[in-house]
């Protein structure tokens, strides 16, 4: 499942997910074991300000080996899937595709920072 194969910004399962994959582009994806997730939060994106074109939300995930920041719209939906342990993949899709179909969440950027 590459980000360009995902038809939306996320993928879920009906059972507990062992890993969460982050699809950074069509050639790069990174997975983290869900047991390494320490905490997550959804907050306003401080860089958005009043700019309606900038993603208004930031989902921060703290894993034992890296921090992951996801920017987008409707990220509370992804947080709910995290809480339920059903989120298996998060990917970036071009905004033009997100506007074709109403999705509960849209991801515009993913940043992964390894913890040293």
C-alpha atoms as a PDB file:
ATOM      1  CA  UNK A   1       0.000   0.000   0.000  1.00  0.00           C
ATOM      2  CA  UNK A   2       1.880   3.042  -1.183  1.00  0.00           C
ATOM      3  CA  UNK A   3       0.479   6.491  -0.529  1.00  0.00           C
ATOM      4  CA  UNK A   4      -0.316   6.756  -4.186  1.00  0.00           C
ATOM      5  CA  UNK A   5      -2.313   3.530  -3.975  1.00  0.00           C
ATOM      6  CA  UNK A   6      -4.318   4.698  -0.983  1.00  0.00           C
ATOM      7  CA  UNK A   7      -7.544   6.267  -2.175  1.00  0.00           C
ATOM      8  CA  UNK A   8      -7.756   8.304   1.017  1.00  0.00           C
ATOM      9  CA  UNK A   9      -5.337   9.627   3.648  1.00  0.00           C
ATOM     10  CA  UNK A  10      -5.710   6.622   5.936  1.00  0.00           C
ATOM     11  CA  UNK A  11      -6.423   2.899   6.062  1.00  0.00           C
ATOM     12  CA  UNK A  12      -8.104   1.043   8.918  1.00  0.00           C
ATOM     13  CA  UNK A  13      -8.775  -2.548   9.984  1.00  0.00           C
ATOM     14  CA  UNK A  14     -11.627  -4.144  11.888  1.00  0.00           C
ATOM     15  CA  UNK A  15      -9.098  -5.830  14.185  1.00  0.00           C
ATOM     16  CA  UNK A  16      -6.221  -4.543  16.297  1.00  0.00           C
ATOM     17  CA  UNK A  17      -3.333  -3.207  14.215  1.00  0.00           C
ATOM     18  CA  UNK A  18       0.208  -4.326  15.100  1.00  0.00           C
ATOM     19  CA  UNK A  19       1.885  -1.578  13.055  1.00  0.00           C
ATOM     20  CA  UNK A  20       1.082   1.893  11.759  1.00  0.00           C
ATOM     21  CA  UNK A  21       2.655   2.729   8.403  1.00  0.00           C
ATOM     22  CA  UNK A  22       3.368   6.280   7.279  1.00  0.00           C
ATOM     23  CA  UNK A  23       3.527   6.672   3.500  1.00  0.00           C
ATOM     24  CA  UNK A  24       5.740   9.677   2.804  1.00  0.00           C
ATOM     25  CA  UNK A  25       5.652   9.344  -0.983  1.00  0.00           C
ATOM     26  CA  UNK A  26       5.319   6.572  -3.566  1.00  0.00           C
ATOM     27  CA  UNK A  27       8.792   5.198  -2.765  1.00  0.00           C
ATOM     28  CA  UNK A  28       9.076   5.747   0.991  1.00  0.00           C
ATOM     29  CA  UNK A  29       7.070   4.331   3.839  1.00  0.00           C
ATOM     30  CA  UNK A  30       7.922   3.727   7.461  1.00  0.00           C
ATOM     31  CA  UNK A  31       6.161   1.595  10.035  1.00  0.00           C
ATOM     32  CA  UNK A  32       6.072   1.704  13.817  1.00  0.00           C
ATOM     33  CA  UNK A  33       4.851  -1.004  16.151  1.00  0.00           C
ATOM     34  CA  UNK A  34       1.711   0.221  17.921  1.00  0.00           C
ATOM     35  CA  UNK A  35       3.118  -1.009  21.238  1.00  0.00           C
ATOM     36  CA  UNK A  36       5.820   1.688  20.891  1.00  0.00           C
ATOM     37  CA  UNK A  37       3.266   4.510  20.745  1.00  0.00           C
ATOM     38  CA  UNK A  38       3.705   6.467  23.974  1.00  0.00           C
ATOM     39  CA  UNK A  39       1.211   9.273  23.397  1.00  0.00           C
ATOM     40  CA  UNK A  40      -0.587  11.295  20.748  1.00  0.00           C
ATOM     41  CA  UNK A  41      -2.371  14.641  20.586  1.00  0.00           C
ATOM     42  CA  UNK A  42      -4.421  16.666  18.126  1.00  0.00           C
ATOM     43  CA  UNK A  43      -3.802  20.407  18.294  1.00  0.00           C
ATOM     44  CA  UNK A  44      -4.249  23.475  16.117  1.00  0.00           C
ATOM     45  CA  UNK A  45      -1.446  23.867  13.577  1.00  0.00           C
ATOM     46  CA  UNK A  46       0.473  26.901  14.874  1.00  0.00           C
ATOM     47  CA  UNK A  47       1.763  27.658  11.364  1.00  0.00           C
ATOM     48  CA  UNK A  48      -1.718  27.902   9.816  1.00  0.00           C
ATOM     49  CA  UNK A  49      -2.823  31.201  11.335  1.00  0.00           C
ATOM     50  CA  UNK A  50      -5.720  32.608   9.310  1.00  0.00           C
ATOM     51  CA  UNK A  51      -4.539  31.042   6.027  1.00  0.00           C
ATOM     52  CA  UNK A  52      -7.400  28.789   4.832  1.00  0.00           C
ATOM     53  CA  UNK A  53      -5.029  26.955   2.446  1.00  0.00           C
ATOM     54  CA  UNK A  54      -2.811  25.755   5.290  1.00  0.00           C
ATOM     55  CA  UNK A  55      -3.812  22.632   7.219  1.00  0.00           C
ATOM     56  CA  UNK A  56      -5.523  23.751  10.444  1.00  0.00           C
ATOM     57  CA  UNK A  57      -4.652  20.687  12.546  1.00  0.00           C
ATOM     58  CA  UNK A  58      -1.563  18.866  13.770  1.00  0.00           C
ATOM     59  CA  UNK A  59      -1.553  15.260  14.973  1.00  0.00           C
ATOM     60  CA  UNK A  60       1.572  14.528  17.021  1.00  0.00           C
ATOM     61  CA  UNK A  61       2.563  10.937  17.772  1.00  0.00           C
ATOM     62  CA  UNK A  62       5.377  10.041  20.151  1.00  0.00           C
ATOM     63  CA  UNK A  63       6.903   6.627  19.541  1.00  0.00           C
ATOM     64  CA  UNK A  64       9.838   5.248  21.505  1.00  0.00           C
ATOM     65  CA  UNK A  65      12.149   5.721  18.493  1.00  0.00           C
ATOM     66  CA  UNK A  66      10.707   8.746  16.653  1.00  0.00           C
ATOM     67  CA  UNK A  67       8.285  11.663  16.737  1.00  0.00           C
ATOM     68  CA  UNK A  68       5.739  11.807  13.931  1.00  0.00           C
ATOM     69  CA  UNK A  69       3.840  14.977  12.997  1.00  0.00           C
ATOM     70  CA  UNK A  70       0.870  14.789  10.637  1.00  0.00           C
ATOM     71  CA  UNK A  71      -0.711  17.971   9.253  1.00  0.00           C
ATOM     72  CA  UNK A  72      -4.164  18.089   7.752  1.00  0.00           C
ATOM     73  CA  UNK A  73      -7.909  18.408   8.161  1.00  0.00           C
ATOM     74  CA  UNK A  74     -10.221  16.213  10.271  1.00  0.00           C
ATOM     75  CA  UNK A  75      -7.354  14.631  12.191  1.00  0.00           C
ATOM     76  CA  UNK A  76      -9.607  13.890  15.173  1.00  0.00           C
ATOM     77  CA  UNK A  77     -10.919  11.020  13.036  1.00  0.00           C
ATOM     78  CA  UNK A  78      -7.401   9.542  12.885  1.00  0.00           C
ATOM     79  CA  UNK A  79      -6.977  10.048  16.638  1.00  0.00           C
ATOM     80  CA  UNK A  80     -10.188   8.070  17.198  1.00  0.00           C
ATOM     81  CA  UNK A  81      -8.775   5.222  15.068  1.00  0.00           C
ATOM     82  CA  UNK A  82      -5.534   5.367  17.088  1.00  0.00           C
ATOM     83  CA  UNK A  83      -7.507   5.079  20.315  1.00  0.00           C
ATOM     84  CA  UNK A  84      -9.314   2.040  18.906  1.00  0.00           C
ATOM     85  CA  UNK A  85      -6.012   0.496  17.633  1.00  0.00           C
ATOM     86  CA  UNK A  86      -7.478   0.164  14.135  1.00  0.00           C
ATOM     87  CA  UNK A  87      -5.331   2.688  12.222  1.00  0.00           C
ATOM     88  CA  UNK A  88      -2.857   0.837   9.977  1.00  0.00           C
ATOM     89  CA  UNK A  89      -1.692   3.414   7.415  1.00  0.00           C
ATOM     90  CA  UNK A  90      -1.498   7.183   7.007  1.00  0.00           C
ATOM     91  CA  UNK A  91      -0.521   8.725   3.706  1.00  0.00           C
ATOM     92  CA  UNK A  92      -0.357  11.992   1.859  1.00  0.00           C
ATOM     93  CA  UNK A  93      -2.650  12.399  -1.116  1.00  0.00           C
ATOM     94  CA  UNK A  94      -2.745  15.387  -3.457  1.00  0.00           C
ATOM     95  CA  UNK A  95      -5.381  17.877  -2.368  1.00  0.00           C
ATOM     96  CA  UNK A  96      -7.139  17.725  -5.741  1.00  0.00           C
ATOM     97  CA  UNK A  97      -8.054  14.086  -5.029  1.00  0.00           C
ATOM     98  CA  UNK A  98      -9.249  14.789  -1.508  1.00  0.00           C
ATOM     99  CA  UNK A  99     -11.732  17.298  -2.854  1.00  0.00           C
ATOM    100  CA  UNK A 100     -13.255  14.735  -5.228  1.00  0.00           C
ATOM    101  CA  UNK A 101     -14.596  12.621  -2.379  1.00  0.00           C
ATOM    102  CA  UNK A 102     -15.743  13.582   1.089  1.00  0.00           C
ATOM    103  CA  UNK A 103     -13.375  11.910   3.538  1.00  0.00           C
ATOM    104  CA  UNK A 104     -13.401  12.305   7.303  1.00  0.00           C
ATOM    105  CA  UNK A 105      -9.636  13.045   7.316  1.00  0.00           C
ATOM    106  CA  UNK A 106      -7.189  14.526   4.834  1.00  0.00           C
ATOM    107  CA  UNK A 107      -3.396  14.480   5.354  1.00  0.00           C
ATOM    108  CA  UNK A 108      -1.233  17.059   3.603  1.00  0.00           C
ATOM    109  CA  UNK A 109       2.150  16.440   5.278  1.00  0.00           C
ATOM    110  CA  UNK A 110       3.953  13.861   7.405  1.00  0.00           C
ATOM    111  CA  UNK A 111       7.251  14.523   9.177  1.00  0.00           C
ATOM    112  CA  UNK A 112       9.206  11.806  10.999  1.00  0.00           C
ATOM    113  CA  UNK A 113      12.006  12.848  13.351  1.00  0.00           C
ATOM    114  CA  UNK A 114      14.090  10.011  14.804  1.00  0.00           C
ATOM    115  CA  UNK A 115      14.884  10.243  18.515  1.00  0.00           C
ATOM    116  CA  UNK A 116      18.625  10.069  19.096  1.00  0.00           C
END
